[in-house]
Amino acid sequence: VNSMDAIKEIKVNKTQINAEIDDTLLKTNETVLCSDSAGGWRSKIKT
């Protein structure tokens, strides 16, 4: 996401988190398909 408006909802239930976001960047940004620095996955930085 690139704005707070793109985050529709976040629900936290103990160790489970569910987030609903505007999927515009999900459809166009390849980095999110292989990137998760929080868990040790190396980000594929393109731009």
ModelCIF file with pLDDT and N, C-alpha, C, O atoms, coordinates in Angstrom:
data_MODEL
#
_entry.id   MODEL 
#
_entity.id                         1 
_entity.type                       polymer 
_entity.pdbx_number_of_molecules   1 
#
_entity_poly.entity_id                      1 
_entity_poly.type                           'polypeptide(L)' 
_entity_poly.nstd_linkage                   no 
_entity_poly.nstd_monomer                   no 
_entity_poly.pdbx_seq_one_letter_code       VNSMDAIKEIKVNKTQINAEIDDTLLKTNETVLCSDSAGGWRSKIKT 
_entity_poly.pdbx_seq_one_letter_code_can   VNSMDAIKEIKVNKTQINAEIDDTLLKTNETVLCSDSAGGWRSKIKT 
_entity_poly.pdbx_strand_id                 A 
#
loop_
_entity_poly_seq.entity_id 
_entity_poly_seq.num 
_entity_poly_seq.mon_id 
_entity_poly_seq.hetero 
1 1  VAL n 
1 2  ASN n 
1 3  SER n 
1 4  MET n 
1 5  ASP n 
1 6  ALA n 
1 7  ILE n 
1 8  LYS n 
1 9  GLU n 
1 10 ILE n 
1 11 LYS n 
1 12 VAL n 
1 13 ASN n 
1 14 LYS n 
1 15 THR n 
1 16 GLN n 
1 17 ILE n 
1 18 ASN n 
1 19 ALA n 
1 20 GLU n 
1 21 ILE n 
1 22 ASP n 
1 23 ASP n 
1 24 THR n 
1 25 LEU n 
1 26 LEU n 
1 27 LYS n 
1 28 THR n 
1 29 ASN n 
1 30 GLU n 
1 31 THR n 
1 32 VAL n 
1 33 LEU n 
1 34 CYS n 
1 35 SER n 
1 36 ASP n 
1 37 SER n 
1 38 ALA n 
1 39 GLY n 
1 40 GLY n 
1 41 TRP n 
1 42 ARG n 
1 43 SER n 
1 44 LYS n 
1 45 ILE n 
1 46 LYS n 
1 47 THR n 
#
_struct_asym.id          A 
_struct_asym.entity_id   1 
#
loop_
_ma_qa_metric.id 
_ma_qa_metric.mode 
_ma_qa_metric.name 
_ma_qa_metric.software_group_id 
_ma_qa_metric.type 
1 global pLDDT . pLDDT 
2 local  pLDDT . pLDDT 
#
_ma_qa_metric_global.metric_id      1 
_ma_qa_metric_global.metric_value   75.28 
_ma_qa_metric_global.model_id       1 
_ma_qa_metric_global.ordinal_id     1 
#
loop_
_ma_qa_metric_local.label_asym_id 
_ma_qa_metric_local.label_comp_id 
_ma_qa_metric_local.label_seq_id 
_ma_qa_metric_local.metric_id 
_ma_qa_metric_local.metric_value 
_ma_qa_metric_local.model_id 
_ma_qa_metric_local.ordinal_id 
A VAL 1  2 93.00 1 1  
A ASN 2  2 91.00 1 2  
A SER 3  2 94.00 1 3  
A MET 4  2 96.00 1 4  
A ASP 5  2 96.00 1 5  
A ALA 6  2 96.00 1 6  
A ILE 7  2 97.00 1 7  
A LYS 8  2 97.00 1 8  
A GLU 9  2 97.00 1 9  
A ILE 10 2 98.00 1 10 
A LYS 11 2 98.00 1 11 
A VAL 12 2 98.00 1 12 
A ASN 13 2 97.00 1 13 
A LYS 14 2 95.00 1 14 
A THR 15 2 96.00 1 15 
A GLN 16 2 97.00 1 16 
A ILE 17 2 98.00 1 17 
A ASN 18 2 97.00 1 18 
A ALA 19 2 97.00 1 19 
A GLU 20 2 97.00 1 20 
A ILE 21 2 96.00 1 21 
A ASP 22 2 93.00 1 22 
A ASP 23 2 84.00 1 23 
A THR 24 2 81.00 1 24 
A LEU 25 2 79.00 1 25 
A LEU 26 2 75.00 1 26 
A LYS 27 2 73.00 1 27 
A THR 28 2 71.00 1 28 
A ASN 29 2 60.00 1 29 
A GLU 30 2 50.00 1 30 
A THR 31 2 48.00 1 31 
A VAL 32 2 48.00 1 32 
A LEU 33 2 44.00 1 33 
A CYS 34 2 42.00 1 34 
A SER 35 2 41.00 1 35 
A ASP 36 2 44.00 1 36 
A SER 37 2 45.00 1 37 
A ALA 38 2 42.00 1 38 
A GLY 39 2 40.00 1 39 
A GLY 40 2 40.00 1 40 
A TRP 41 2 41.00 1 41 
A ARG 42 2 45.00 1 42 
A SER 43 2 47.00 1 43 
A LYS 44 2 60.00 1 44 
A ILE 45 2 71.00 1 45 
A LYS 46 2 73.00 1 46 
A THR 47 2 80.00 1 47 
#
loop_
_atom_site.group_PDB 
_atom_site.id 
_atom_site.type_symbol 
_atom_site.label_atom_id 
_atom_site.label_alt_id 
_atom_site.label_comp_id 
_atom_site.label_asym_id 
_atom_site.label_entity_id 
_atom_site.label_seq_id 
_atom_site.pdbx_PDB_ins_code 
_atom_site.Cartn_x 
_atom_site.Cartn_y 
_atom_site.Cartn_z 
_atom_site.occupancy 
_atom_site.B_iso_or_equiv 
_atom_site.pdbx_formal_charge 
_atom_site.auth_seq_id 
_atom_site.auth_comp_id 
_atom_site.auth_asym_id 
_atom_site.auth_atom_id 
_atom_site.pdbx_PDB_model_num 
ATOM 1   N N  . VAL A 1 1  ? 0.861   -1.182  0.000   1.00 93.00 ? 1  VAL A N  1 
ATOM 2   C CA . VAL A 1 1  ? 0.000   0.000   0.000   1.00 93.00 ? 1  VAL A CA 1 
ATOM 3   C C  . VAL A 1 1  ? 0.896   1.230   0.000   1.00 93.00 ? 1  VAL A C  1 
ATOM 4   O O  . VAL A 1 1  ? 2.060   1.157   0.394   1.00 93.00 ? 1  VAL A O  1 
ATOM 5   N N  . ASN A 1 2  ? 0.357   2.352   -0.439  1.00 91.00 ? 2  ASN A N  1 
ATOM 6   C CA . ASN A 1 2  ? 1.124   3.600   -0.386  1.00 91.00 ? 2  ASN A CA 1 
ATOM 7   C C  . ASN A 1 2  ? 0.344   4.737   0.262   1.00 91.00 ? 2  ASN A C  1 
ATOM 8   O O  . ASN A 1 2  ? 0.739   5.900   0.178   1.00 91.00 ? 2  ASN A O  1 
ATOM 9   N N  . SER A 1 3  ? -0.774  4.391   0.913   1.00 94.00 ? 3  SER A N  1 
ATOM 10  C CA . SER A 1 3  ? -1.531  5.384   1.682   1.00 94.00 ? 3  SER A CA 1 
ATOM 11  C C  . SER A 1 3  ? -2.372  4.654   2.719   1.00 94.00 ? 3  SER A C  1 
ATOM 12  O O  . SER A 1 3  ? -2.690  3.476   2.557   1.00 94.00 ? 3  SER A O  1 
ATOM 13  N N  . MET A 1 4  ? -2.728  5.362   3.784   1.00 96.00 ? 4  MET A N  1 
ATOM 14  C CA . MET A 1 4  ? -3.575  4.761   4.807   1.00 96.00 ? 4  MET A CA 1 
ATOM 15  C C  . MET A 1 4  ? -4.966  4.451   4.257   1.00 96.00 ? 4  MET A C  1 
ATOM 16  O O  . MET A 1 4  ? -5.631  3.530   4.733   1.00 96.00 ? 4  MET A O  1 
ATOM 17  N N  . ASP A 1 5  ? -5.403  5.210   3.267   1.00 96.00 ? 5  ASP A N  1 
ATOM 18  C CA . ASP A 1 5  ? -6.720  4.956   2.663   1.00 96.00 ? 5  ASP A CA 1 
ATOM 19  C C  . ASP A 1 5  ? -6.780  3.597   1.985   1.00 96.00 ? 5  ASP A C  1 
ATOM 20  O O  . ASP A 1 5  ? -7.862  3.034   1.814   1.00 96.00 ? 5  ASP A O  1 
ATOM 21  N N  . ALA A 1 6  ? -5.618  3.063   1.594   1.00 96.00 ? 6  ALA A N  1 
ATOM 22  C CA . ALA A 1 6  ? -5.597  1.765   0.921   1.00 96.00 ? 6  ALA A CA 1 
ATOM 23  C C  . ALA A 1 6  ? -5.780  0.609   1.894   1.00 96.00 ? 6  ALA A C  1 
ATOM 24  O O  . ALA A 1 6  ? -5.997  -0.527  1.471   1.00 96.00 ? 6  ALA A O  1 
ATOM 25  N N  . ILE A 1 7  ? -5.694  0.886   3.200   1.00 97.00 ? 7  ILE A N  1 
ATOM 26  C CA . ILE A 1 7  ? -5.917  -0.151  4.210   1.00 97.00 ? 7  ILE A CA 1 
ATOM 27  C C  . ILE A 1 7  ? -7.382  -0.078  4.644   1.00 97.00 ? 7  ILE A C  1 
ATOM 28  O O  . ILE A 1 7  ? -7.801  0.886   5.284   1.00 97.00 ? 7  ILE A O  1 
ATOM 29  N N  . LYS A 1 8  ? -8.146  -1.096  4.293   1.00 97.00 ? 8  LYS A N  1 
ATOM 30  C CA . LYS A 1 8  ? -9.579  -1.088  4.586   1.00 97.00 ? 8  LYS A CA 1 
ATOM 31  C C  . LYS A 1 8  ? -9.880  -1.593  5.993   1.00 97.00 ? 8  LYS A C  1 
ATOM 32  O O  . LYS A 1 8  ? -10.748 -1.054  6.679   1.00 97.00 ? 8  LYS A O  1 
ATOM 33  N N  . GLU A 1 9  ? -9.160  -2.630  6.420   1.00 97.00 ? 9  GLU A N  1 
ATOM 34  C CA . GLU A 1 9  ? -9.450  -3.215  7.732   1.00 97.00 ? 9  GLU A CA 1 
ATOM 35  C C  . GLU A 1 9  ? -8.288  -4.072  8.195   1.00 97.00 ? 9  GLU A C  1 
ATOM 36  O O  . GLU A 1 9  ? -7.648  -4.755  7.396   1.00 97.00 ? 9  GLU A O  1 
ATOM 37  N N  . ILE A 1 10 ? -8.021  -4.031  9.495   1.00 98.00 ? 10 ILE A N  1 
ATOM 38  C CA . ILE A 1 10 ? -7.044  -4.921  10.119  1.00 98.00 ? 10 ILE A CA 1 
ATOM 39  C C  . ILE A 1 10 ? -7.703  -5.545  11.352  1.00 98.00 ? 10 ILE A C  1 
ATOM 40  O O  . ILE A 1 10 ? -8.183  -4.835  12.236  1.00 98.00 ? 10 ILE A O  1 
ATOM 41  N N  . LYS A 1 11 ? -7.719  -6.857  11.399  1.00 98.00 ? 11 LYS A N  1 
ATOM 42  C CA . LYS A 1 11 ? -8.253  -7.575  12.555  1.00 98.00 ? 11 LYS A CA 1 
ATOM 43  C C  . LYS A 1 11 ? -7.153  -8.437  13.156  1.00 98.00 ? 11 LYS A C  1 
ATOM 44  O O  . LYS A 1 11 ? -6.537  -9.251  12.468  1.00 98.00 ? 11 LYS A O  1 
ATOM 45  N N  . VAL A 1 12 ? -6.916  -8.244  14.457  1.00 98.00 ? 12 VAL A N  1 
ATOM 46  C CA . VAL A 1 12 ? -5.891  -9.011  15.163  1.00 98.00 ? 12 VAL A CA 1 
ATOM 47  C C  . VAL A 1 12 ? -6.574  -9.910  16.181  1.00 98.00 ? 12 VAL A C  1 
ATOM 48  O O  . VAL A 1 12 ? -7.285  -9.429  17.064  1.00 98.00 ? 12 VAL A O  1 
ATOM 49  N N  . ASN A 1 13 ? -6.359  -11.213 16.060  1.00 97.00 ? 13 ASN A N  1 
ATOM 50  C CA . ASN A 1 13 ? -6.895  -12.183 17.007  1.00 97.00 ? 13 ASN A CA 1 
ATOM 51  C C  . ASN A 1 13 ? -5.741  -13.046 17.504  1.00 97.00 ? 13 ASN A C  1 
ATOM 52  O O  . ASN A 1 13 ? -5.381  -14.053 16.893  1.00 97.00 ? 13 ASN A O  1 
ATOM 53  N N  . LYS A 1 14 ? -5.171  -12.621 18.632  1.00 95.00 ? 14 LYS A N  1 
ATOM 54  C CA . LYS A 1 14 ? -4.003  -13.282 19.207  1.00 95.00 ? 14 LYS A CA 1 
ATOM 55  C C  . LYS A 1 14 ? -2.870  -13.320 18.178  1.00 95.00 ? 14 LYS A C  1 
ATOM 56  O O  . LYS A 1 14 ? -2.310  -12.273 17.854  1.00 95.00 ? 14 LYS A O  1 
ATOM 57  N N  . THR A 1 15 ? -2.521  -14.493 17.660  1.00 96.00 ? 15 THR A N  1 
ATOM 58  C CA . THR A 1 15 ? -1.397  -14.592 16.724  1.00 96.00 ? 15 THR A CA 1 
ATOM 59  C C  . THR A 1 15 ? -1.841  -14.568 15.261  1.00 96.00 ? 15 THR A C  1 
ATOM 60  O O  . THR A 1 15 ? -1.020  -14.743 14.360  1.00 96.00 ? 15 THR A O  1 
ATOM 61  N N  . GLN A 1 16 ? -3.124  -14.354 15.025  1.00 97.00 ? 16 GLN A N  1 
ATOM 62  C CA . GLN A 1 16 ? -3.653  -14.327 13.662  1.00 97.00 ? 16 GLN A CA 1 
ATOM 63  C C  . GLN A 1 16 ? -4.039  -12.893 13.278  1.00 97.00 ? 16 GLN A C  1 
ATOM 64  O O  . GLN A 1 16 ? -4.778  -12.224 14.001  1.00 97.00 ? 16 GLN A O  1 
ATOM 65  N N  . ILE A 1 17 ? -3.530  -12.437 12.134  1.00 98.00 ? 17 ILE A N  1 
ATOM 66  C CA . ILE A 1 17 ? -3.841  -11.097 11.649  1.00 98.00 ? 17 ILE A CA 1 
ATOM 67  C C  . ILE A 1 17 ? -4.477  -11.222 10.266  1.00 98.00 ? 17 ILE A C  1 
ATOM 68  O O  . ILE A 1 17 ? -3.958  -11.918 9.394   1.00 98.00 ? 17 ILE A O  1 
ATOM 69  N N  . ASN A 1 18 ? -5.593  -10.545 10.081  1.00 97.00 ? 18 ASN A N  1 
ATOM 70  C CA . ASN A 1 18 ? -6.232  -10.488 8.769   1.00 97.00 ? 18 ASN A CA 1 
ATOM 71  C C  . ASN A 1 18 ? -6.324  -9.037  8.334   1.00 97.00 ? 18 ASN A C  1 
ATOM 72  O O  . ASN A 1 18 ? -6.848  -8.188  9.055   1.00 97.00 ? 18 ASN A O  1 
ATOM 73  N N  . ALA A 1 19 ? -5.810  -8.766  7.151   1.00 97.00 ? 19 ALA A N  1 
ATOM 74  C CA . ALA A 1 19 ? -5.828  -7.406  6.611   1.00 97.00 ? 19 ALA A CA 1 
ATOM 75  C C  . ALA A 1 19 ? -6.545  -7.386  5.276   1.00 97.00 ? 19 ALA A C  1 
ATOM 76  O O  . ALA A 1 19 ? -6.348  -8.263  4.435   1.00 97.00 ? 19 ALA A O  1 
ATOM 77  N N  . GLU A 1 20 ? -7.381  -6.371  5.093   1.00 97.00 ? 20 GLU A N  1 
ATOM 78  C CA . GLU A 1 20 ? -8.046  -6.140  3.813   1.00 97.00 ? 20 GLU A CA 1 
ATOM 79  C C  . GLU A 1 20 ? -7.528  -4.822  3.259   1.00 97.00 ? 20 GLU A C  1 
ATOM 80  O O  . GLU A 1 20 ? -7.608  -3.783  3.915   1.00 97.00 ? 20 GLU A O  1 
ATOM 81  N N  . ILE A 1 21 ? -6.995  -4.877  2.042   1.00 96.00 ? 21 ILE A N  1 
ATOM 82  C CA . ILE A 1 21 ? -6.417  -3.686  1.448   1.00 96.00 ? 21 ILE A CA 1 
ATOM 83  C C  . ILE A 1 21 ? -6.880  -3.524  0.005   1.00 96.00 ? 21 ILE A C  1 
ATOM 84  O O  . ILE A 1 21 ? -7.363  -4.468  -0.621  1.00 96.00 ? 21 ILE A O  1 
ATOM 85  N N  . ASP A 1 22 ? -6.724  -2.324  -0.501  1.00 93.00 ? 22 ASP A N  1 
ATOM 86  C CA . ASP A 1 22 ? -6.916  -2.077  -1.929  1.00 93.00 ? 22 ASP A CA 1 
ATOM 87  C C  . ASP A 1 22 ? -5.858  -2.886  -2.680  1.00 93.00 ? 22 ASP A C  1 
ATOM 88  O O  . ASP A 1 22 ? -4.668  -2.802  -2.374  1.00 93.00 ? 22 ASP A O  1 
ATOM 89  N N  . ASP A 1 23 ? -6.300  -3.669  -3.663  1.00 84.00 ? 23 ASP A N  1 
ATOM 90  C CA . ASP A 1 23 ? -5.366  -4.596  -4.302  1.00 84.00 ? 23 ASP A CA 1 
ATOM 91  C C  . ASP A 1 23 ? -4.682  -4.032  -5.544  1.00 84.00 ? 23 ASP A C  1 
ATOM 92  O O  . ASP A 1 23 ? -4.133  -4.791  -6.342  1.00 84.00 ? 23 ASP A O  1 
ATOM 93  N N  . THR A 1 24 ? -4.708  -2.713  -5.717  1.00 81.00 ? 24 THR A N  1 
ATOM 94  C CA . THR A 1 24 ? -4.081  -2.117  -6.903  1.00 81.00 ? 24 THR A CA 1 
ATOM 95  C C  . THR A 1 24 ? -2.616  -2.489  -7.012  1.00 81.00 ? 24 THR A C  1 
ATOM 96  O O  . THR A 1 24 ? -2.166  -2.946  -8.063  1.00 81.00 ? 24 THR A O  1 
ATOM 97  N N  . LEU A 1 25 ? -1.856  -2.293  -5.920  1.00 79.00 ? 25 LEU A N  1 
ATOM 98  C CA . LEU A 1 25 ? -0.432  -2.613  -5.962  1.00 79.00 ? 25 LEU A CA 1 
ATOM 99  C C  . LEU A 1 25 ? -0.186  -4.114  -6.022  1.00 79.00 ? 25 LEU A C  1 
ATOM 100 O O  . LEU A 1 25 ? 0.809   -4.561  -6.592  1.00 79.00 ? 25 LEU A O  1 
ATOM 101 N N  . LEU A 1 26 ? -1.095  -4.897  -5.432  1.00 75.00 ? 26 LEU A N  1 
ATOM 102 C CA . LEU A 1 26 ? -0.925  -6.347  -5.475  1.00 75.00 ? 26 LEU A CA 1 
ATOM 103 C C  . LEU A 1 26 ? -0.972  -6.861  -6.907  1.00 75.00 ? 26 LEU A C  1 
ATOM 104 O O  . LEU A 1 26 ? -0.316  -7.847  -7.241  1.00 75.00 ? 26 LEU A O  1 
ATOM 105 N N  . LYS A 1 27 ? -1.753  -6.186  -7.756  1.00 73.00 ? 27 LYS A N  1 
ATOM 106 C CA . LYS A 1 27 ? -1.898  -6.625  -9.139  1.00 73.00 ? 27 LYS A CA 1 
ATOM 107 C C  . LYS A 1 27 ? -0.727  -6.197  -10.016 1.00 73.00 ? 27 LYS A C  1 
ATOM 108 O O  . LYS A 1 27 ? -0.482  -6.791  -11.066 1.00 73.00 ? 27 LYS A O  1 
ATOM 109 N N  . THR A 1 28 ? 0.004   -5.154  -9.578  1.00 71.00 ? 28 THR A N  1 
ATOM 110 C CA . THR A 1 28 ? 1.040   -4.599  -10.447 1.00 71.00 ? 28 THR A CA 1 
ATOM 111 C C  . THR A 1 28 ? 2.456   -4.783  -9.909  1.00 71.00 ? 28 THR A C  1 
ATOM 112 O O  . THR A 1 28 ? 3.417   -4.688  -10.673 1.00 71.00 ? 28 THR A O  1 
ATOM 113 N N  . ASN A 1 29 ? 2.603   -5.041  -8.620  1.00 60.00 ? 29 ASN A N  1 
ATOM 114 C CA . ASN A 1 29 ? 3.933   -5.040  -7.994  1.00 60.00 ? 29 ASN A CA 1 
ATOM 115 C C  . ASN A 1 29 ? 4.425   -6.458  -7.784  1.00 60.00 ? 29 ASN A C  1 
ATOM 116 O O  . ASN A 1 29 ? 3.880   -7.185  -6.953  1.00 60.00 ? 29 ASN A O  1 
ATOM 117 N N  . GLU A 1 30 ? 5.444   -6.861  -8.520  1.00 50.00 ? 30 GLU A N  1 
ATOM 118 C CA . GLU A 1 30 ? 5.962   -8.212  -8.412  1.00 50.00 ? 30 GLU A CA 1 
ATOM 119 C C  . GLU A 1 30 ? 6.676   -8.475  -7.091  1.00 50.00 ? 30 GLU A C  1 
ATOM 120 O O  . GLU A 1 30 ? 6.809   -9.628  -6.681  1.00 50.00 ? 30 GLU A O  1 
ATOM 121 N N  . THR A 1 31 ? 7.132   -7.433  -6.427  1.00 48.00 ? 31 THR A N  1 
ATOM 122 C CA . THR A 1 31 ? 7.939   -7.649  -5.226  1.00 48.00 ? 31 THR A CA 1 
ATOM 123 C C  . THR A 1 31 ? 7.148   -8.354  -4.139  1.00 48.00 ? 31 THR A C  1 
ATOM 124 O O  . THR A 1 31 ? 7.717   -9.154  -3.396  1.00 48.00 ? 31 THR A O  1 
ATOM 125 N N  . VAL A 1 32 ? 5.851   -8.083  -4.022  1.00 48.00 ? 32 VAL A N  1 
ATOM 126 C CA . VAL A 1 32 ? 5.101   -8.648  -2.906  1.00 48.00 ? 32 VAL A CA 1 
ATOM 127 C C  . VAL A 1 32 ? 4.911   -10.149 -3.049  1.00 48.00 ? 32 VAL A C  1 
ATOM 128 O O  . VAL A 1 32 ? 4.587   -10.819 -2.069  1.00 48.00 ? 32 VAL A O  1 
ATOM 129 N N  . LEU A 1 33 ? 5.101   -10.686 -4.231  1.00 44.00 ? 33 LEU A N  1 
ATOM 130 C CA . LEU A 1 33 ? 4.910   -12.110 -4.431  1.00 44.00 ? 33 LEU A CA 1 
ATOM 131 C C  . LEU A 1 33 ? 6.081   -12.930 -3.901  1.00 44.00 ? 33 LEU A C  1 
ATOM 132 O O  . LEU A 1 33 ? 5.944   -14.133 -3.680  1.00 44.00 ? 33 LEU A O  1 
ATOM 133 N N  . CYS A 1 34 ? 7.224   -12.293 -3.696  1.00 42.00 ? 34 CYS A N  1 
ATOM 134 C CA . CYS A 1 34 ? 8.394   -13.047 -3.233  1.00 42.00 ? 34 CYS A CA 1 
ATOM 135 C C  . CYS A 1 34 ? 9.057   -12.367 -2.048  1.00 42.00 ? 34 CYS A C  1 
ATOM 136 O O  . CYS A 1 34 ? 10.114  -12.810 -1.601  1.00 42.00 ? 34 CYS A O  1 
ATOM 137 N N  . SER A 1 35 ? 8.468   -11.314 -1.534  1.00 41.00 ? 35 SER A N  1 
ATOM 138 C CA . SER A 1 35 ? 9.160   -10.482 -0.558  1.00 41.00 ? 35 SER A CA 1 
ATOM 139 C C  . SER A 1 35 ? 8.483   -10.544 0.795   1.00 41.00 ? 35 SER A C  1 
ATOM 140 O O  . SER A 1 35 ? 7.268   -10.378 0.910   1.00 41.00 ? 35 SER A O  1 
ATOM 141 N N  . ASP A 1 36 ? 9.285   -10.787 1.814   1.00 44.00 ? 36 ASP A N  1 
ATOM 142 C CA . ASP A 1 36 ? 8.791   -10.666 3.183   1.00 44.00 ? 36 ASP A CA 1 
ATOM 143 C C  . ASP A 1 36 ? 9.991   -10.571 4.088   1.00 44.00 ? 36 ASP A C  1 
ATOM 144 O O  . ASP A 1 36 ? 10.417  -11.566 4.675   1.00 44.00 ? 36 ASP A O  1 
ATOM 145 N N  . SER A 1 37 ? 10.535  -9.384  4.204   1.00 45.00 ? 37 SER A N  1 
ATOM 146 C CA . SER A 1 37 ? 11.756  -9.215  4.974   1.00 45.00 ? 37 SER A CA 1 
ATOM 147 C C  . SER A 1 37 ? 11.553  -9.570  6.433   1.00 45.00 ? 37 SER A C  1 
ATOM 148 O O  . SER A 1 37 ? 12.507  -9.928  7.123   1.00 45.00 ? 37 SER A O  1 
ATOM 149 N N  . ALA A 1 38 ? 10.292  -9.473  6.925   1.00 42.00 ? 38 ALA A N  1 
ATOM 150 C CA . ALA A 1 38 ? 10.051  -9.755  8.334   1.00 42.00 ? 38 ALA A CA 1 
ATOM 151 C C  . ALA A 1 38 ? 10.364  -11.197 8.674   1.00 42.00 ? 38 ALA A C  1 
ATOM 152 O O  . ALA A 1 38 ? 10.791  -11.487 9.792   1.00 42.00 ? 38 ALA A O  1 
ATOM 153 N N  . GLY A 1 39 ? 10.165  -12.094 7.746   1.00 40.00 ? 39 GLY A N  1 
ATOM 154 C CA . GLY A 1 39 ? 10.394  -13.493 8.038   1.00 40.00 ? 39 GLY A CA 1 
ATOM 155 C C  . GLY A 1 39 ? 11.645  -14.055 7.410   1.00 40.00 ? 39 GLY A C  1 
ATOM 156 O O  . GLY A 1 39 ? 11.856  -15.268 7.427   1.00 40.00 ? 39 GLY A O  1 
ATOM 157 N N  . GLY A 1 40 ? 12.477  -13.197 6.858   1.00 40.00 ? 40 GLY A N  1 
ATOM 158 C CA . GLY A 1 40 ? 13.736  -13.653 6.310   1.00 40.00 ? 40 GLY A CA 1 
ATOM 159 C C  . GLY A 1 40 ? 13.755  -13.786 4.808   1.00 40.00 ? 40 GLY A C  1 
ATOM 160 O O  . GLY A 1 40 ? 14.795  -14.136 4.249   1.00 40.00 ? 40 GLY A O  1 
ATOM 161 N N  . TRP A 1 41 ? 12.643  -13.520 4.118   1.00 41.00 ? 41 TRP A N  1 
ATOM 162 C CA . TRP A 1 41 ? 12.642  -13.567 2.656   1.00 41.00 ? 41 TRP A CA 1 
ATOM 163 C C  . TRP A 1 41 ? 13.268  -12.295 2.119   1.00 41.00 ? 41 TRP A C  1 
ATOM 164 O O  . TRP A 1 41 ? 12.957  -11.201 2.591   1.00 41.00 ? 41 TRP A O  1 
ATOM 165 N N  . ARG A 1 42 ? 14.136  -12.424 1.149   1.00 45.00 ? 42 ARG A N  1 
ATOM 166 C CA . ARG A 1 42 ? 14.837  -11.281 0.589   1.00 45.00 ? 42 ARG A CA 1 
ATOM 167 C C  . ARG A 1 42 ? 13.942  -10.537 -0.396  1.00 45.00 ? 42 ARG A C  1 
ATOM 168 O O  . ARG A 1 42 ? 13.395  -11.136 -1.323  1.00 45.00 ? 42 ARG A O  1 
ATOM 169 N N  . SER A 1 43 ? 13.797  -9.241  -0.193  1.00 47.00 ? 43 SER A N  1 
ATOM 170 C CA . SER A 1 43 ? 12.979  -8.432  -1.088  1.00 47.00 ? 43 SER A CA 1 
ATOM 171 C C  . SER A 1 43 ? 13.590  -8.371  -2.486  1.00 47.00 ? 43 SER A C  1 
ATOM 172 O O  . SER A 1 43 ? 14.805  -8.251  -2.643  1.00 47.00 ? 43 SER A O  1 
ATOM 173 N N  . LYS A 1 44 ? 12.742  -8.454  -3.481  1.00 60.00 ? 44 LYS A N  1 
ATOM 174 C CA . LYS A 1 44 ? 13.164  -8.277  -4.870  1.00 60.00 ? 44 LYS A CA 1 
ATOM 175 C C  . LYS A 1 44 ? 12.909  -6.823  -5.232  1.00 60.00 ? 44 LYS A C  1 
ATOM 176 O O  . LYS A 1 44 ? 11.800  -6.451  -5.618  1.00 60.00 ? 44 LYS A O  1 
ATOM 177 N N  . ILE A 1 45 ? 13.942  -6.008  -5.105  1.00 71.00 ? 45 ILE A N  1 
ATOM 178 C CA . ILE A 1 45 ? 13.786  -4.570  -5.252  1.00 71.00 ? 45 ILE A CA 1 
ATOM 179 C C  . ILE A 1 45 ? 13.948  -4.189  -6.724  1.00 71.00 ? 45 ILE A C  1 
ATOM 180 O O  . ILE A 1 45 ? 15.018  -4.355  -7.309  1.00 71.00 ? 45 ILE A O  1 
ATOM 181 N N  . LYS A 1 46 ? 12.871  -3.679  -7.305  1.00 73.00 ? 46 LYS A N  1 
ATOM 182 C CA . LYS A 1 46 ? 12.915  -3.332  -8.729  1.00 73.00 ? 46 LYS A CA 1 
ATOM 183 C C  . LYS A 1 46 ? 12.901  -1.816  -8.944  1.00 73.00 ? 46 LYS A C  1 
ATOM 184 O O  . LYS A 1 46 ? 13.526  -1.319  -9.881  1.00 73.00 ? 46 LYS A O  1 
ATOM 185 N N  . THR A 1 47 ? 12.201  -1.089  -8.093  1.00 80.00 ? 47 THR A N  1 
ATOM 186 C CA . THR A 1 47 ? 12.144  0.364   -8.230  1.00 80.00 ? 47 THR A CA 1 
ATOM 187 C C  . THR A 1 47 ? 12.398  1.010   -6.879  1.00 80.00 ? 47 THR A C  1 
ATOM 188 O O  . THR A 1 47 ? 12.394  2.237   -6.771  1.00 80.00 ? 47 THR A O  1 
#
